[in-house]
Amino acid sequence: MEKIPAVFCWSGGKDSSLALYRVLKEGKYDVKYLLTTLNEEFKRISMHGVREELLNKQADSIGMPLVKVWVREGTNEEYERQMAVAMERFRDESILQVIHGDIFLEDLRKYREEKLERAGMKGVFPLWKEDTSLLIQEFLALGFKTITCCISDSFLTESDVGKVIDNQFIKNLPSKVDPCGENGEFHTFCYAGPIFEREISFSVGEKVYKPLQLEGSKHGFWYCDLV
């Protein structure tokens, strides 16, 4: 059976890695590109704060072309505008399927599907509605390696950023924190595993705190610079 051409929305983290592994193993889709949104000013993956150089190393180790969507203003309108340009490119190449690593955020999936439908495309969600406690165990059992690059201090502390995720890390998570960080509790950078031809080398740099830009908010995010 001929494979269905698709583009994979790649964040660089563990959920993306596991979802891509599942897709490649199933063999239903022919993933033509990895698609990642980056901040144009800082040259880092949006939300995760991972440097463009490490993203490039991931794509090279996976062996797939990387398409970058650049944003500067940080507004939803800009993001949608830039994504629309990317989707037009994919449509021109007869790629109509877009794969995401989302697990259970209903509003996010609805948003993605509405935008894709307007663009004449369809979303695919390989991990949807699966038990996150089982997903993280599957991820680790497969030999993936990942490190926290960003944490929300609404749920975790500075000491939790820049930590390799293993069984002990999962065991120590507060009960209110999802094992996969699906509610935005933490984000990760995946540097080894079955989808990579070789492990990605990096060092752990300084930690930086950025408060939420919301009136009255007392929370923010800790980022760990990976270099």
Protein backbone atom coordinates (compact mmCIF):
# COMPACT_ATOMS: atom_id res chain seq x y z
CA MET A 1 0.00 0.00 0.00
CA GLU A 2 1.30 3.43 -0.91
CA LYS A 3 2.18 5.57 2.09
CA ILE A 4 0.30 8.81 2.76
CA PRO A 5 2.55 11.90 2.57
CA ALA A 6 2.58 13.91 5.80
CA VAL A 7 4.41 16.62 7.72
CA PHE A 8 5.27 16.16 11.39
CA CYS A 9 4.95 19.05 13.87
CA TRP A 10 8.20 18.64 15.78
CA SER A 11 8.76 20.32 19.16
CA GLY A 12 12.01 18.47 19.90
CA GLY A 13 10.60 16.93 23.08
CA LYS A 14 9.60 13.51 24.32
CA ASP A 15 5.98 13.47 23.09
CA SER A 16 7.08 14.42 19.57
CA SER A 17 9.76 11.76 19.69
CA LEU A 18 7.42 9.00 20.81
CA ALA A 19 4.72 10.03 18.32
CA LEU A 20 7.24 10.06 15.47
CA TYR A 21 8.52 6.64 16.55
CA ARG A 22 4.96 5.28 16.46
CA VAL A 23 4.32 6.78 13.01
CA LEU A 24 7.54 5.41 11.52
CA LYS A 25 6.92 1.97 13.03
CA GLU A 26 3.34 1.82 11.72
CA GLY A 27 4.46 2.70 8.22
CA LYS A 28 1.17 4.26 7.13
CA TYR A 29 2.59 7.76 6.59
CA ASP A 30 5.55 8.99 4.59
CA VAL A 31 6.88 11.85 6.72
CA LYS A 32 8.31 14.35 4.26
CA TYR A 33 9.25 17.12 6.69
CA LEU A 34 9.64 18.02 10.34
CA LEU A 35 7.96 21.38 11.07
CA THR A 36 9.08 23.55 13.98
CA THR A 37 8.19 27.07 15.15
CA LEU A 38 11.10 29.23 16.34
CA ASN A 39 11.52 32.69 17.78
CA GLU A 40 13.27 34.78 15.14
CA GLU A 41 14.97 37.13 17.61
CA PHE A 42 16.46 34.48 19.90
CA LYS A 43 16.77 31.62 17.38
CA ARG A 44 15.15 29.17 19.78
CA ILE A 45 12.23 26.75 19.64
CA SER A 46 9.06 28.49 20.79
CA MET A 47 8.09 27.68 24.41
CA HIS A 48 10.89 25.12 24.84
CA GLY A 49 13.69 27.68 24.53
CA VAL A 50 16.03 25.18 22.84
CA ARG A 51 18.69 26.61 20.54
CA GLU A 52 18.28 26.32 16.77
CA GLU A 53 21.64 24.53 16.56
CA LEU A 54 20.35 21.64 18.68
CA LEU A 55 17.15 21.45 16.64
CA ASN A 56 19.28 21.17 13.51
CA LYS A 57 21.25 18.34 15.11
CA GLN A 58 18.02 16.50 15.93
CA ALA A 59 16.73 16.74 12.36
CA ASP A 60 20.10 15.64 10.99
CA SER A 61 20.24 12.64 13.33
CA ILE A 62 16.64 11.69 12.47
CA GLY A 63 17.45 12.11 8.78
CA MET A 64 14.49 14.27 7.77
CA PRO A 65 14.29 17.73 6.16
CA LEU A 66 13.37 20.49 8.60
CA VAL A 67 10.99 23.35 7.81
CA LYS A 68 11.19 26.30 10.20
CA VAL A 69 8.33 28.70 10.89
CA TRP A 70 9.73 31.96 12.28
CA VAL A 71 7.80 34.24 14.64
CA ARG A 72 8.94 37.52 16.15
CA GLU A 73 5.92 39.30 17.65
CA GLY A 74 4.76 36.30 19.66
CA THR A 75 1.10 36.92 18.87
CA ASN A 76 -1.42 34.27 17.89
CA GLU A 77 -2.20 36.23 14.75
CA GLU A 78 1.43 36.15 13.62
CA TYR A 79 1.72 32.44 14.37
CA GLU A 80 -1.41 31.65 12.35
CA ARG A 81 -0.22 33.81 9.47
CA GLN A 82 3.16 32.12 9.30
CA MET A 83 1.67 28.65 9.66
CA ALA A 84 -0.74 29.39 6.82
CA VAL A 85 2.22 30.13 4.56
CA ALA A 86 3.82 26.81 5.52
CA MET A 87 0.60 24.89 4.95
CA GLU A 88 0.27 26.41 1.49
CA ARG A 89 3.73 25.10 0.65
CA PHE A 90 2.81 21.62 1.80
CA ARG A 91 -0.46 21.63 -0.12
CA ASP A 92 1.46 22.56 -3.26
CA GLU A 93 3.46 19.37 -2.71
CA SER A 94 0.24 17.35 -2.20
CA ILE A 95 0.90 16.91 1.51
CA LEU A 96 -2.44 17.12 3.32
CA GLN A 97 -1.77 15.32 6.62
CA VAL A 98 -0.20 17.05 9.64
CA ILE A 99 0.90 14.87 12.58
CA HIS A 100 0.91 16.14 16.18
CA GLY A 101 2.11 14.69 19.49
CA ASP A 102 -0.80 16.03 21.58
CA ILE A 103 -2.29 13.62 24.11
CA PHE A 104 -5.44 14.95 25.78
CA LEU A 105 -5.87 18.73 25.51
CA GLU A 106 -9.26 18.94 23.81
CA ASP A 107 -9.19 22.70 23.18
CA LEU A 108 -5.77 22.51 21.56
CA ARG A 109 -6.78 19.68 19.27
CA LYS A 110 -9.96 21.50 18.30
CA TYR A 111 -7.94 24.64 17.52
CA ARG A 112 -5.46 22.70 15.40
CA GLU A 113 -8.16 20.85 13.48
CA GLU A 114 -10.14 24.01 12.76
CA LYS A 115 -7.05 25.77 11.36
CA LEU A 116 -6.06 22.73 9.33
CA GLU A 117 -9.56 22.32 7.93
CA ARG A 118 -9.50 25.92 6.71
CA ALA A 119 -6.22 25.13 4.98
CA GLY A 120 -7.68 22.02 3.36
CA MET A 121 -5.62 19.70 5.56
CA LYS A 122 -6.17 17.10 8.27
CA GLY A 123 -4.60 16.46 11.67
CA VAL A 124 -3.27 13.10 12.86
CA PHE A 125 -2.76 12.40 16.60
CA PRO A 126 -0.90 9.10 17.26
CA LEU A 127 -0.88 9.42 21.08
CA TRP A 128 -4.39 10.76 21.55
CA LYS A 129 -6.20 9.83 24.79
CA GLU A 130 -3.58 7.33 25.90
CA ASP A 131 -2.62 6.99 29.57
CA THR A 132 0.29 9.37 30.12
CA SER A 133 1.72 7.26 32.95
CA LEU A 134 2.02 4.38 30.47
CA LEU A 135 3.31 6.58 27.67
CA ILE A 136 6.25 7.85 29.71
CA GLN A 137 7.13 4.29 30.69
CA GLU A 138 6.98 3.21 27.04
CA PHE A 139 9.19 6.16 26.12
CA LEU A 140 11.84 5.20 28.67
CA ALA A 141 11.63 1.47 27.90
CA LEU A 142 12.33 2.19 24.22
CA GLY A 143 15.63 3.76 25.20
CA PHE A 144 14.78 7.41 24.61
CA LYS A 145 16.72 9.99 26.60
CA THR A 146 15.36 13.44 27.36
CA ILE A 147 16.04 16.40 29.65
CA THR A 148 13.76 19.12 31.00
CA CYS A 149 14.50 22.43 29.28
CA CYS A 150 11.59 24.45 30.68
CA ILE A 151 9.35 24.12 33.74
CA SER A 152 6.39 26.09 35.02
CA ASP A 153 6.88 27.25 38.60
CA SER A 154 3.14 26.85 39.07
CA PHE A 155 3.87 23.14 39.38
CA LEU A 156 7.62 22.56 39.79
CA THR A 157 10.73 24.33 41.06
CA GLU A 158 14.03 25.60 39.69
CA SER A 159 15.71 22.34 40.71
CA ASP A 160 13.49 20.42 38.26
CA VAL A 161 14.79 22.17 35.12
CA GLY A 162 17.87 20.71 33.46
CA LYS A 163 17.11 17.25 34.83
CA VAL A 164 17.23 14.04 32.81
CA ILE A 165 13.85 12.33 32.94
CA ASP A 166 14.06 8.83 34.36
CA ASN A 167 11.90 6.66 36.60
CA GLN A 168 13.10 8.49 39.71
CA PHE A 169 12.16 11.87 38.20
CA ILE A 170 8.66 10.58 37.40
CA LYS A 171 8.30 9.04 40.87
CA ASN A 172 9.21 12.35 42.53
CA LEU A 173 6.70 14.44 40.56
CA PRO A 174 3.94 16.05 42.68
CA SER A 175 0.59 14.28 42.33
CA LYS A 176 -0.90 17.26 40.49
CA VAL A 177 1.74 17.06 37.73
CA ASP A 178 0.99 14.94 34.67
CA PRO A 179 3.73 12.33 34.01
CA CYS A 180 4.15 13.69 30.47
CA GLY A 181 3.75 17.35 31.46
CA GLU A 182 0.75 17.53 29.14
CA ASN A 183 -0.73 20.51 31.01
CA GLY A 184 2.39 22.59 30.39
CA GLU A 185 4.12 21.64 33.65
CA PHE A 186 7.40 20.96 31.85
CA HIS A 187 8.93 20.75 28.38
CA THR A 188 11.82 18.59 27.23
CA PHE A 189 14.62 18.15 24.73
CA CYS A 190 15.08 14.61 23.43
CA TYR A 191 18.66 13.73 22.57
CA ALA A 192 18.77 9.96 22.02
CA GLY A 193 16.52 7.04 21.15
CA PRO A 194 15.40 4.71 18.36
CA ILE A 195 14.48 7.50 15.92
CA PHE A 196 17.99 8.99 16.10
CA GLU A 197 20.99 7.66 14.18
CA ARG A 198 23.30 9.02 16.88
CA GLU A 199 23.04 10.64 20.30
CA ILE A 200 23.08 14.44 20.31
CA SER A 201 25.83 15.94 22.43
CA PHE A 202 25.22 19.06 24.50
CA SER A 203 26.06 20.60 27.85
CA VAL A 204 23.78 22.10 30.49
CA GLY A 205 24.19 25.86 30.79
CA GLU A 206 22.70 28.56 32.99
CA LYS A 207 19.15 28.70 34.28
CA VAL A 208 17.01 31.73 33.48
CA TYR A 209 13.66 32.74 34.99
CA LYS A 210 11.03 34.51 32.90
CA PRO A 211 7.84 35.73 34.61
CA LEU A 212 4.50 35.45 32.86
CA GLN A 213 3.58 38.69 31.11
CA LEU A 214 0.12 38.76 32.66
CA GLU A 215 -1.17 41.40 35.04
CA GLY A 216 -1.35 40.08 38.58
CA SER A 217 0.50 36.85 37.80
CA LYS A 218 3.07 35.64 40.32
CA HIS A 219 4.25 32.74 38.20
CA GLY A 220 6.56 32.13 35.28
CA PHE A 221 8.97 29.65 33.73
CA TRP A 222 12.45 28.41 34.48
CA TYR A 223 14.54 27.70 31.37
CA CYS A 224 17.76 25.74 31.23
CA ASP A 225 20.08 26.74 28.42
CA LEU A 226 21.34 23.68 26.55
CA VAL A 227 24.49 24.39 24.54
